[in-house]
Amino acid sequence: NITCQIPEEHEVHFCKEDDNHICQNISSSKVTQMNGSSERNEERVFTVIISNVSVRDAGVYWCGAETRDTYLTFISLNTKILLNIIMPPVVRHEGESAEIICPYDSIYKSKPKSLCKGKCSTRDRNTLNETVREEKETKTDRLTLNDDVTASVFTGTITGLTAEDAGKYWCAVTLERDLNYLHTHLIVIMNE
């Protein structure tokens, strides 16, 4: 549920940012319900409900007011909403392999992908971070990354799990900066 306040006399504008920071209108099929109610004399509170949320819904949304005069239309986007999707944890035993599956929107198929542990900003990269482009496979001693652009999924496989591998992992698509839009927790159960 996403709520925003709109001045009473204005039309509602609801959109999602694309990777060029252009806010694209949301189609009616994405939004199952859009209700407005007057809480004050001057403003309405609108609630937008997005149902069956998937990884493709993650991103930045805006809502605001649209006004028209004789020759121009003005859109003032005043409420920013960041929607992150959390995947269920991956639980494996010490010594086993773990697959971290990262689905992404097909519009990002040609963009570089990353799997990071902990913080994943451009300044603070963990040594496990690797980048994979399109269908090329990237491999280190214990980490293999593979991007299946047909299925819009990239997968990180970590072999020989140790206690140090446990933690929070981010699936990221690199645009002008890293977009950390999906994360999971890897839980390693020790043998003893």
N, C-alpha and C. Protein backbone atom coordinates (compact mmCIF):
# COMPACT_ATOMS: atom_id res chain seq x y z
N ASN A 1 0.84 -1.19 0.00
CA ASN A 1 0.00 0.00 0.00
C ASN A 1 0.88 1.24 0.00
N ILE A 2 0.61 2.14 -0.92
CA ILE A 2 1.37 3.38 -1.02
C ILE A 2 0.39 4.53 -0.84
N THR A 3 0.67 5.43 0.09
CA THR A 3 -0.23 6.56 0.32
C THR A 3 0.47 7.86 0.00
N CYS A 4 -0.31 8.82 -0.49
CA CYS A 4 0.21 10.16 -0.73
C CYS A 4 -0.93 11.16 -0.62
N GLN A 5 -0.57 12.39 -0.32
CA GLN A 5 -1.56 13.45 -0.17
C GLN A 5 -1.53 14.34 -1.41
N ILE A 6 -2.72 14.61 -1.92
CA ILE A 6 -2.87 15.42 -3.14
C ILE A 6 -3.84 16.56 -2.84
N PRO A 7 -3.53 17.78 -3.27
CA PRO A 7 -4.50 18.87 -3.09
C PRO A 7 -5.85 18.52 -3.72
N GLU A 8 -6.91 18.92 -3.08
CA GLU A 8 -8.27 18.52 -3.44
C GLU A 8 -8.63 18.72 -4.91
N GLU A 9 -8.23 19.85 -5.47
CA GLU A 9 -8.68 20.18 -6.83
C GLU A 9 -7.81 19.58 -7.94
N HIS A 10 -6.75 18.85 -7.59
CA HIS A 10 -5.80 18.36 -8.58
C HIS A 10 -6.02 16.90 -8.93
N GLU A 11 -5.55 16.51 -10.12
CA GLU A 11 -5.58 15.11 -10.53
C GLU A 11 -4.37 14.39 -9.95
N VAL A 12 -4.51 13.09 -9.70
CA VAL A 12 -3.42 12.29 -9.14
C VAL A 12 -2.50 11.81 -10.27
N HIS A 13 -1.19 11.85 -10.00
CA HIS A 13 -0.20 11.34 -10.94
C HIS A 13 0.64 10.32 -10.19
N PHE A 14 0.73 9.08 -10.70
CA PHE A 14 1.48 8.01 -10.04
C PHE A 14 2.37 7.35 -11.08
N CYS A 15 3.68 7.23 -10.77
CA CYS A 15 4.61 6.71 -11.78
C CYS A 15 5.77 5.99 -11.12
N LYS A 16 6.54 5.26 -11.95
CA LYS A 16 7.73 4.54 -11.49
C LYS A 16 8.92 5.00 -12.32
N GLU A 17 10.05 5.26 -11.64
CA GLU A 17 11.27 5.69 -12.32
C GLU A 17 11.85 4.55 -13.14
N ASP A 18 12.31 4.87 -14.35
CA ASP A 18 13.07 3.87 -15.11
C ASP A 18 14.56 4.12 -14.88
N ASP A 19 15.44 3.37 -15.56
CA ASP A 19 16.86 3.49 -15.30
C ASP A 19 17.47 4.79 -15.82
N ASN A 20 16.69 5.59 -16.56
CA ASN A 20 17.14 6.91 -16.99
C ASN A 20 16.57 8.02 -16.12
N HIS A 21 15.99 7.63 -14.97
CA HIS A 21 15.37 8.56 -14.02
C HIS A 21 14.18 9.30 -14.62
N ILE A 22 13.51 8.68 -15.57
CA ILE A 22 12.29 9.24 -16.13
C ILE A 22 11.13 8.49 -15.50
N CYS A 23 10.16 9.24 -15.00
CA CYS A 23 9.04 8.62 -14.30
C CYS A 23 7.97 8.20 -15.30
N GLN A 24 7.78 6.88 -15.42
CA GLN A 24 6.83 6.33 -16.38
C GLN A 24 5.50 6.08 -15.68
N ASN A 25 4.38 6.49 -16.32
CA ASN A 25 3.06 6.25 -15.75
C ASN A 25 2.84 4.76 -15.52
N ILE A 26 2.16 4.43 -14.44
CA ILE A 26 1.86 3.04 -14.13
C ILE A 26 0.57 2.66 -14.83
N SER A 27 0.59 1.51 -15.50
CA SER A 27 -0.62 1.06 -16.19
C SER A 27 -1.64 0.59 -15.17
N SER A 28 -2.89 0.62 -15.56
CA SER A 28 -3.96 0.25 -14.64
C SER A 28 -3.90 -1.22 -14.25
N SER A 29 -3.23 -2.06 -15.06
CA SER A 29 -3.14 -3.47 -14.71
C SER A 29 -2.21 -3.70 -13.51
N LYS A 30 -1.21 -2.81 -13.32
CA LYS A 30 -0.31 -2.93 -12.18
C LYS A 30 -0.99 -2.51 -10.88
N VAL A 31 -1.77 -1.47 -10.97
CA VAL A 31 -2.40 -0.91 -9.78
C VAL A 31 -3.80 -1.50 -9.66
N THR A 32 -4.02 -2.27 -8.61
CA THR A 32 -5.32 -2.92 -8.47
C THR A 32 -6.36 -2.00 -7.86
N GLN A 33 -5.90 -1.01 -7.11
CA GLN A 33 -6.85 -0.13 -6.46
C GLN A 33 -6.21 1.22 -6.25
N MET A 34 -6.97 2.27 -6.46
CA MET A 34 -6.49 3.62 -6.22
C MET A 34 -7.64 4.42 -5.65
N ASN A 35 -7.64 4.60 -4.34
CA ASN A 35 -8.74 5.24 -3.65
C ASN A 35 -8.31 6.58 -3.08
N GLY A 36 -9.21 7.54 -3.12
CA GLY A 36 -8.95 8.84 -2.52
C GLY A 36 -10.00 9.16 -1.49
N SER A 37 -9.59 9.79 -0.40
CA SER A 37 -10.55 10.22 0.61
C SER A 37 -10.11 11.56 1.16
N SER A 38 -11.09 12.41 1.48
CA SER A 38 -10.78 13.74 2.03
C SER A 38 -10.53 13.62 3.52
N GLU A 39 -9.36 14.03 3.95
CA GLU A 39 -9.08 14.07 5.38
C GLU A 39 -9.17 15.50 5.88
N ARG A 40 -8.83 16.43 5.03
CA ARG A 40 -8.93 17.85 5.36
C ARG A 40 -9.66 18.54 4.23
N ASN A 41 -9.97 19.78 4.42
CA ASN A 41 -10.68 20.52 3.37
C ASN A 41 -9.84 20.69 2.12
N GLU A 42 -8.51 20.79 2.28
CA GLU A 42 -7.66 21.13 1.14
C GLU A 42 -6.94 19.93 0.54
N GLU A 43 -6.84 18.79 1.25
CA GLU A 43 -6.05 17.68 0.73
C GLU A 43 -6.82 16.37 0.79
N ARG A 44 -6.51 15.50 -0.18
CA ARG A 44 -7.02 14.14 -0.19
C ARG A 44 -5.86 13.20 0.05
N VAL A 45 -6.12 12.09 0.70
CA VAL A 45 -5.12 11.05 0.87
C VAL A 45 -5.46 9.93 -0.11
N PHE A 46 -4.50 9.64 -1.00
CA PHE A 46 -4.69 8.57 -1.97
C PHE A 46 -3.90 7.35 -1.55
N THR A 47 -4.51 6.20 -1.71
CA THR A 47 -3.83 4.94 -1.44
C THR A 47 -3.78 4.14 -2.73
N VAL A 48 -2.57 3.75 -3.11
CA VAL A 48 -2.37 2.91 -4.28
C VAL A 48 -1.99 1.53 -3.77
N ILE A 49 -2.70 0.51 -4.22
CA ILE A 49 -2.42 -0.86 -3.79
C ILE A 49 -1.86 -1.64 -4.97
N ILE A 50 -0.66 -2.18 -4.82
CA ILE A 50 -0.06 -3.04 -5.84
C ILE A 50 -0.13 -4.47 -5.31
N SER A 51 -0.81 -5.34 -6.03
CA SER A 51 -0.97 -6.71 -5.56
C SER A 51 0.00 -7.65 -6.26
N ASN A 52 0.18 -8.85 -5.70
CA ASN A 52 1.08 -9.87 -6.25
C ASN A 52 2.47 -9.29 -6.54
N VAL A 53 3.07 -8.67 -5.56
CA VAL A 53 4.36 -7.99 -5.70
C VAL A 53 5.44 -8.99 -6.08
N SER A 54 6.25 -8.64 -7.09
CA SER A 54 7.38 -9.47 -7.51
C SER A 54 8.61 -8.58 -7.63
N VAL A 55 9.74 -9.18 -7.99
CA VAL A 55 10.99 -8.43 -8.12
C VAL A 55 10.86 -7.32 -9.16
N ARG A 56 10.02 -7.50 -10.14
CA ARG A 56 9.85 -6.47 -11.17
C ARG A 56 9.18 -5.21 -10.65
N ASP A 57 8.57 -5.30 -9.46
CA ASP A 57 7.93 -4.13 -8.87
C ASP A 57 8.89 -3.30 -8.04
N ALA A 58 10.08 -3.82 -7.74
CA ALA A 58 11.06 -3.08 -6.94
C ALA A 58 11.50 -1.83 -7.69
N GLY A 59 11.76 -0.77 -6.95
CA GLY A 59 12.24 0.45 -7.57
C GLY A 59 11.72 1.69 -6.88
N VAL A 60 11.82 2.82 -7.58
CA VAL A 60 11.42 4.11 -7.03
C VAL A 60 10.11 4.54 -7.67
N TYR A 61 9.14 4.85 -6.82
CA TYR A 61 7.83 5.34 -7.27
C TYR A 61 7.65 6.77 -6.81
N TRP A 62 6.84 7.50 -7.54
CA TRP A 62 6.50 8.88 -7.18
C TRP A 62 5.00 9.07 -7.32
N CYS A 63 4.44 9.88 -6.44
CA CYS A 63 3.07 10.33 -6.67
C CYS A 63 3.02 11.83 -6.43
N GLY A 64 2.06 12.44 -7.07
CA GLY A 64 1.95 13.88 -6.97
C GLY A 64 0.71 14.38 -7.66
N ALA A 65 0.67 15.68 -7.88
CA ALA A 65 -0.51 16.33 -8.41
C ALA A 65 -0.28 16.79 -9.85
N GLU A 66 -1.34 16.70 -10.63
CA GLU A 66 -1.31 17.18 -12.00
C GLU A 66 -2.33 18.29 -12.14
N THR A 67 -1.89 19.43 -12.67
CA THR A 67 -2.81 20.55 -12.90
C THR A 67 -2.70 20.99 -14.35
N ARG A 68 -3.79 21.52 -14.86
CA ARG A 68 -3.82 21.98 -16.24
C ARG A 68 -4.36 23.40 -16.29
N ASP A 69 -3.77 24.19 -17.18
CA ASP A 69 -4.41 25.45 -17.51
C ASP A 69 -4.66 25.44 -19.01
N THR A 70 -4.91 26.55 -19.58
CA THR A 70 -5.32 26.59 -20.99
C THR A 70 -4.29 25.96 -21.92
N TYR A 71 -3.01 26.24 -21.70
CA TYR A 71 -1.99 25.79 -22.64
C TYR A 71 -0.99 24.77 -22.08
N LEU A 72 -0.90 24.64 -20.77
CA LEU A 72 0.13 23.80 -20.18
C LEU A 72 -0.43 22.81 -19.16
N THR A 73 0.31 21.72 -19.01
CA THR A 73 0.02 20.75 -17.94
C THR A 73 1.24 20.69 -17.04
N PHE A 74 1.02 20.81 -15.74
CA PHE A 74 2.11 20.75 -14.75
C PHE A 74 1.94 19.50 -13.90
N ILE A 75 3.04 18.81 -13.65
CA ILE A 75 3.02 17.65 -12.77
C ILE A 75 4.04 17.90 -11.66
N SER A 76 3.57 17.92 -10.43
CA SER A 76 4.45 18.11 -9.27
C SER A 76 4.52 16.79 -8.51
N LEU A 77 5.67 16.12 -8.59
CA LEU A 77 5.87 14.85 -7.88
C LEU A 77 6.43 15.17 -6.51
N ASN A 78 5.65 14.92 -5.46
CA ASN A 78 6.08 15.36 -4.13
C ASN A 78 6.30 14.23 -3.14
N THR A 79 5.95 12.99 -3.48
CA THR A 79 6.15 11.87 -2.56
C THR A 79 6.96 10.79 -3.26
N LYS A 80 8.12 10.47 -2.68
CA LYS A 80 9.00 9.44 -3.25
C LYS A 80 8.90 8.19 -2.39
N ILE A 81 8.73 7.04 -3.04
CA ILE A 81 8.62 5.76 -2.35
C ILE A 81 9.65 4.81 -2.93
N LEU A 82 10.50 4.23 -2.08
CA LEU A 82 11.47 3.22 -2.52
C LEU A 82 10.95 1.86 -2.09
N LEU A 83 10.68 0.99 -3.05
CA LEU A 83 10.18 -0.35 -2.77
C LEU A 83 11.30 -1.36 -2.97
N ASN A 84 11.75 -1.98 -1.87
CA ASN A 84 12.75 -3.04 -1.92
C ASN A 84 12.05 -4.38 -1.72
N ILE A 85 12.52 -5.40 -2.38
CA ILE A 85 11.97 -6.74 -2.26
C ILE A 85 12.98 -7.59 -1.50
N ILE A 86 12.52 -8.34 -0.50
CA ILE A 86 13.40 -9.20 0.29
C ILE A 86 13.10 -10.65 -0.06
N MET A 87 14.15 -11.38 -0.39
CA MET A 87 14.00 -12.80 -0.72
C MET A 87 14.10 -13.62 0.57
N PRO A 88 13.54 -14.83 0.56
CA PRO A 88 13.67 -15.68 1.74
C PRO A 88 15.13 -16.08 1.95
N PRO A 89 15.50 -16.41 3.21
CA PRO A 89 16.90 -16.76 3.48
C PRO A 89 17.30 -18.08 2.81
N VAL A 90 18.62 -18.19 2.54
CA VAL A 90 19.20 -19.42 2.01
C VAL A 90 19.90 -20.11 3.18
N VAL A 91 19.51 -21.35 3.51
CA VAL A 91 20.07 -22.07 4.65
C VAL A 91 20.82 -23.30 4.13
N ARG A 92 22.12 -23.38 4.44
CA ARG A 92 22.95 -24.50 4.01
C ARG A 92 23.88 -24.92 5.15
N HIS A 93 24.43 -26.13 5.06
CA HIS A 93 25.39 -26.64 6.05
C HIS A 93 26.82 -26.29 5.64
N GLU A 94 27.68 -26.22 6.63
CA GLU A 94 29.10 -25.98 6.41
C GLU A 94 29.64 -27.00 5.40
N GLY A 95 30.44 -26.51 4.44
CA GLY A 95 31.03 -27.37 3.42
C GLY A 95 30.18 -27.55 2.18
N GLU A 96 28.87 -27.26 2.27
CA GLU A 96 27.99 -27.39 1.11
C GLU A 96 28.15 -26.19 0.18
N SER A 97 27.39 -26.23 -0.91
CA SER A 97 27.31 -25.10 -1.84
C SER A 97 25.99 -24.37 -1.63
N ALA A 98 25.98 -23.08 -1.89
CA ALA A 98 24.76 -22.29 -1.79
C ALA A 98 24.56 -21.53 -3.09
N GLU A 99 23.33 -21.52 -3.58
CA GLU A 99 22.98 -20.72 -4.76
C GLU A 99 22.15 -19.53 -4.32
N ILE A 100 22.60 -18.36 -4.69
CA ILE A 100 21.82 -17.14 -4.46
C ILE A 100 21.27 -16.73 -5.81
N ILE A 101 19.95 -16.83 -5.94
CA ILE A 101 19.28 -16.61 -7.21
C ILE A 101 18.75 -15.17 -7.24
N CYS A 102 19.10 -14.46 -8.29
CA CYS A 102 18.79 -13.03 -8.40
C CYS A 102 17.96 -12.76 -9.65
N PRO A 103 16.63 -12.76 -9.55
CA PRO A 103 15.83 -12.37 -10.70
C PRO A 103 15.90 -10.86 -10.91
N TYR A 104 15.73 -10.42 -12.15
CA TYR A 104 15.75 -8.98 -12.43
C TYR A 104 14.81 -8.68 -13.58
N ASP A 105 14.45 -7.43 -13.72
CA ASP A 105 13.57 -7.02 -14.80
C ASP A 105 14.32 -7.15 -16.12
N SER A 106 13.65 -7.63 -17.15
CA SER A 106 14.30 -7.89 -18.45
C SER A 106 14.89 -6.62 -19.08
N ILE A 107 14.44 -5.44 -18.66
CA ILE A 107 15.03 -4.21 -19.21
C ILE A 107 16.49 -4.05 -18.80
N TYR A 108 16.94 -4.81 -17.77
CA TYR A 108 18.32 -4.72 -17.30
C TYR A 108 19.21 -5.82 -17.87
N LYS A 109 18.76 -6.56 -18.87
CA LYS A 109 19.54 -7.71 -19.33
C LYS A 109 20.93 -7.35 -19.85
N SER A 110 21.11 -6.16 -20.40
CA SER A 110 22.43 -5.78 -20.92
C SER A 110 23.27 -5.02 -19.89
N LYS A 111 22.74 -4.80 -18.69
CA LYS A 111 23.47 -4.06 -17.66
C LYS A 111 24.35 -5.01 -16.84
N PRO A 112 25.48 -4.52 -16.32
CA PRO A 112 26.32 -5.36 -15.46
C PRO A 112 25.60 -5.72 -14.16
N LYS A 113 25.80 -6.94 -13.69
CA LYS A 113 25.17 -7.42 -12.46
C LYS A 113 26.26 -7.68 -11.42
N SER A 114 25.91 -7.55 -10.15
CA SER A 114 26.85 -7.79 -9.06
C SER A 114 26.19 -8.59 -7.96
N LEU A 115 26.99 -9.37 -7.27
CA LEU A 115 26.57 -10.02 -6.03
C LEU A 115 27.52 -9.52 -4.96
N CYS A 116 26.97 -8.87 -3.94
CA CYS A 116 27.81 -8.27 -2.89
C CYS A 116 27.42 -8.84 -1.54
N LYS A 117 28.36 -8.84 -0.64
CA LYS A 117 28.08 -9.23 0.74
C LYS A 117 28.20 -7.99 1.61
N GLY A 118 27.22 -7.79 2.49
CA GLY A 118 27.23 -6.62 3.37
C GLY A 118 26.84 -5.38 2.61
N LYS A 119 27.55 -4.30 2.82
CA LYS A 119 27.27 -3.05 2.12
C LYS A 119 27.80 -3.14 0.69
N CYS A 120 27.07 -2.58 -0.25
CA CYS A 120 27.45 -2.74 -1.66
C CYS A 120 27.52 -1.40 -2.39
N SER A 121 27.94 -0.36 -1.72
CA SER A 121 28.11 0.90 -2.43
C SER A 121 29.38 0.84 -3.24
N THR A 122 29.60 1.82 -4.11
CA THR A 122 30.80 1.81 -4.94
C THR A 122 32.06 2.03 -4.11
N ARG A 123 31.93 2.66 -2.93
CA ARG A 123 33.10 2.91 -2.09
C ARG A 123 33.44 1.74 -1.18
N ASP A 124 32.43 0.95 -0.80
CA ASP A 124 32.62 -0.08 0.22
C ASP A 124 32.27 -1.45 -0.35
N ARG A 125 33.14 -2.01 -1.15
CA ARG A 125 32.87 -3.29 -1.80
C ARG A 125 33.55 -4.42 -1.02
N ASN A 126 32.83 -5.49 -0.84
CA ASN A 126 33.39 -6.68 -0.22
C ASN A 126 34.18 -7.45 -1.29
N THR A 127 35.18 -8.19 -0.86
CA THR A 127 36.02 -8.91 -1.82
C THR A 127 35.25 -9.99 -2.58
N LEU A 128 34.09 -10.42 -2.08
CA LEU A 128 33.32 -11.43 -2.77
C LEU A 128 32.60 -10.85 -3.99
N ASN A 129 32.52 -9.54 -4.07
CA ASN A 129 31.79 -8.90 -5.17
C ASN A 129 32.46 -9.19 -6.51
N GLU A 130 31.69 -9.68 -7.44
CA GLU A 130 32.16 -9.91 -8.80
C GLU A 130 31.12 -9.34 -9.74
N THR A 131 31.49 -9.08 -10.96
CA THR A 131 30.56 -8.55 -11.94
C THR A 131 30.45 -9.51 -13.09
N VAL A 132 29.23 -9.71 -13.58
CA VAL A 132 29.01 -10.58 -14.73
C VAL A 132 28.20 -9.79 -15.75
N ARG A 133 28.54 -9.92 -17.00
CA ARG A 133 27.83 -9.23 -18.08
C ARG A 133 27.21 -10.25 -19.01
N GLU A 134 25.96 -10.04 -19.31
CA GLU A 134 25.20 -10.88 -20.23
C GLU A 134 25.39 -12.36 -19.90
N GLU A 135 25.77 -13.19 -20.87
CA GLU A 135 25.83 -14.62 -20.61
C GLU A 135 27.23 -15.10 -20.25
N LYS A 136 28.16 -14.17 -20.09
CA LYS A 136 29.51 -14.57 -19.70
C LYS A 136 29.50 -15.03 -18.25
N GLU A 137 30.33 -16.00 -17.93
CA GLU A 137 30.39 -16.53 -16.58
C GLU A 137 31.64 -16.01 -15.90
N THR A 138 31.49 -15.54 -14.67
CA THR A 138 32.61 -15.06 -13.88
C THR A 138 32.86 -16.07 -12.77
N LYS A 139 34.13 -16.42 -12.54
CA LYS A 139 34.42 -17.44 -11.54
C LYS A 139 35.67 -17.07 -10.75
N THR A 140 35.58 -17.23 -9.42
CA THR A 140 36.75 -17.12 -8.55
C THR A 140 36.96 -18.50 -7.95
N ASP A 141 37.80 -18.59 -6.92
CA ASP A 141 38.06 -19.90 -6.30
C ASP A 141 36.77 -20.56 -5.81
N ARG A 142 35.93 -19.80 -5.13
CA ARG A 142 34.73 -20.39 -4.52
C ARG A 142 33.42 -19.80 -5.00
N LEU A 143 33.48 -18.78 -5.85
CA LEU A 143 32.26 -18.11 -6.30
C LEU A 143 32.14 -18.20 -7.81
N THR A 144 30.97 -18.61 -8.28
CA THR A 144 30.67 -18.61 -9.71
C THR A 144 29.43 -17.77 -9.91
N LEU A 145 29.49 -16.83 -10.85
CA LEU A 145 28.32 -16.03 -11.22
C LEU A 145 27.95 -16.34 -12.65
N ASN A 146 26.67 -16.56 -12.89
CA ASN A 146 26.20 -16.85 -14.24
C ASN A 146 24.93 -16.06 -14.50
N ASP A 147 24.89 -15.35 -15.61
CA ASP A 147 23.73 -14.52 -15.97
C ASP A 147 22.96 -15.19 -17.11
N ASP A 148 21.74 -15.59 -16.84
CA ASP A 148 20.86 -16.17 -17.86
C ASP A 148 19.92 -15.07 -18.33
N VAL A 149 20.29 -14.38 -19.42
CA VAL A 149 19.49 -13.25 -19.90
C VAL A 149 18.14 -13.69 -20.47
N THR A 150 18.05 -14.93 -20.91
CA THR A 150 16.77 -15.43 -21.43
C THR A 150 15.74 -15.52 -20.32
N ALA A 151 16.17 -16.00 -19.15
CA ALA A 151 15.26 -16.14 -18.01
C ALA A 151 15.25 -14.90 -17.11
N SER A 152 16.13 -13.92 -17.39
CA SER A 152 16.27 -12.71 -16.56
C SER A 152 16.60 -13.07 -15.11
N VAL A 153 17.62 -13.94 -14.96
CA VAL A 153 18.06 -14.37 -13.63
C VAL A 153 19.57 -14.50 -13.65
N PHE A 154 20.26 -13.94 -12.65
CA PHE A 154 21.66 -14.29 -12.49
C PHE A 154 21.83 -14.99 -11.16
N THR A 155 22.75 -15.94 -11.14
CA THR A 155 22.91 -16.82 -9.99
C THR A 155 24.34 -16.77 -9.49
N GLY A 156 24.50 -16.63 -8.18
CA GLY A 156 25.80 -16.73 -7.54
C GLY A 156 25.87 -18.04 -6.78
N THR A 157 26.87 -18.85 -7.09
CA THR A 157 27.06 -20.13 -6.40
C THR A 157 28.35 -20.06 -5.59
N ILE A 158 28.23 -20.30 -4.28
CA ILE A 158 29.39 -20.28 -3.38
C ILE A 158 29.62 -21.73 -2.93
N THR A 159 30.84 -22.22 -3.14
CA THR A 159 31.16 -23.60 -2.76
C THR A 159 31.96 -23.62 -1.46
N GLY A 160 31.98 -24.77 -0.82
CA GLY A 160 32.78 -24.94 0.40
C GLY A 160 32.44 -23.94 1.48
N LEU A 161 31.16 -23.85 1.85
CA LEU A 161 30.71 -22.82 2.79
C LEU A 161 31.40 -22.90 4.15
N THR A 162 31.73 -21.73 4.69
CA THR A 162 32.29 -21.61 6.03
C THR A 162 31.43 -20.62 6.82
N ALA A 163 31.70 -20.49 8.10
CA ALA A 163 30.94 -19.56 8.95
C ALA A 163 31.07 -18.12 8.44
N GLU A 164 32.23 -17.79 7.88
CA GLU A 164 32.46 -16.42 7.40
C GLU A 164 31.59 -16.08 6.20
N ASP A 165 31.05 -17.08 5.51
CA ASP A 165 30.19 -16.82 4.34
C ASP A 165 28.80 -16.37 4.73
N ALA A 166 28.39 -16.63 5.97
CA ALA A 166 27.05 -16.25 6.41
C ALA A 166 26.92 -14.73 6.41
N GLY A 167 25.72 -14.25 6.11
CA GLY A 167 25.48 -12.81 6.15
C GLY A 167 24.48 -12.37 5.11
N LYS A 168 24.42 -11.07 4.91
CA LYS A 168 23.46 -10.45 4.01
C LYS A 168 24.10 -10.25 2.65
N TYR A 169 23.43 -10.74 1.60
CA TYR A 169 23.92 -10.61 0.22
C TYR A 169 22.95 -9.77 -0.59
N TRP A 170 23.51 -8.92 -1.44
CA TRP A 170 22.71 -8.06 -2.31
C TRP A 170 22.89 -8.48 -3.76
N CYS A 171 21.77 -8.55 -4.48
CA CYS A 171 21.78 -8.69 -5.94
C CYS A 171 21.65 -7.27 -6.48
N ALA A 172 22.58 -6.84 -7.28
CA ALA A 172 22.57 -5.46 -7.75
C ALA A 172 22.73 -5.40 -9.26
N VAL A 173 22.06 -4.42 -9.85
CA VAL A 173 22.23 -4.09 -11.26
C VAL A 173 22.90 -2.74 -11.31
N THR A 174 24.00 -2.63 -12.04
CA THR A 174 24.76 -1.39 -12.09
C THR A 174 24.22 -0.50 -13.21
N LEU A 175 23.78 0.69 -12.82
CA LEU A 175 23.38 1.69 -13.81
C LEU A 175 24.48 2.76 -13.77
N GLU A 176 24.15 4.01 -13.44
CA GLU A 176 25.23 4.99 -13.26
C GLU A 176 25.91 4.70 -11.92
N ARG A 177 25.18 4.05 -11.06
CA ARG A 177 25.66 3.66 -9.73
C ARG A 177 25.08 2.28 -9.48
N ASP A 178 25.49 1.63 -8.40
CA ASP A 178 24.90 0.35 -8.06
C ASP A 178 23.48 0.56 -7.55
N LEU A 179 22.56 -0.23 -8.04
CA LEU A 179 21.18 -0.19 -7.58
C LEU A 179 20.97 -1.45 -6.77
N ASN A 180 20.97 -1.32 -5.45
CA ASN A 180 20.83 -2.48 -4.58
C ASN A 180 19.34 -2.73 -4.37
N TYR A 181 18.78 -3.55 -5.22
CA TYR A 181 17.32 -3.66 -5.21
C TYR A 181 16.80 -4.97 -4.65
N LEU A 182 17.65 -5.91 -4.29
CA LEU A 182 17.17 -7.20 -3.85
C LEU A 182 18.22 -7.82 -2.93
N HIS A 183 17.78 -8.34 -1.77
CA HIS A 183 18.77 -8.98 -0.91
C HIS A 183 18.20 -10.21 -0.23
N THR A 184 19.11 -11.04 0.26
CA THR A 184 18.76 -12.25 0.99
C THR A 184 19.79 -12.46 2.08
N HIS A 185 19.51 -13.37 3.00
CA HIS A 185 20.46 -13.74 4.04
C HIS A 185 20.89 -15.17 3.81
N LEU A 186 22.20 -15.41 3.90
CA LEU A 186 22.74 -16.76 3.83
C LEU A 186 23.04 -17.20 5.25
N ILE A 187 22.41 -18.31 5.65
CA ILE A 187 22.61 -18.87 6.98
C ILE A 187 23.40 -20.17 6.82
N VAL A 188 24.54 -20.26 7.50
CA VAL A 188 25.39 -21.45 7.42
C VAL A 188 25.28 -22.20 8.74
N ILE A 189 24.83 -23.45 8.69
CA ILE A 189 24.73 -24.29 9.88
C ILE A 189 26.04 -25.05 10.03
N MET A 190 26.68 -24.85 11.18
CA MET A 190 27.98 -25.49 11.40
C MET A 190 27.80 -26.96 11.73
N ASN A 191 28.73 -27.79 11.27
CA ASN A 191 28.61 -29.25 11.42
C ASN A 191 28.64 -29.70 12.86
N GLU A 192 29.47 -29.04 13.70
CA GLU A 192 29.53 -29.50 15.10
C GLU A 192 28.29 -29.07 15.84
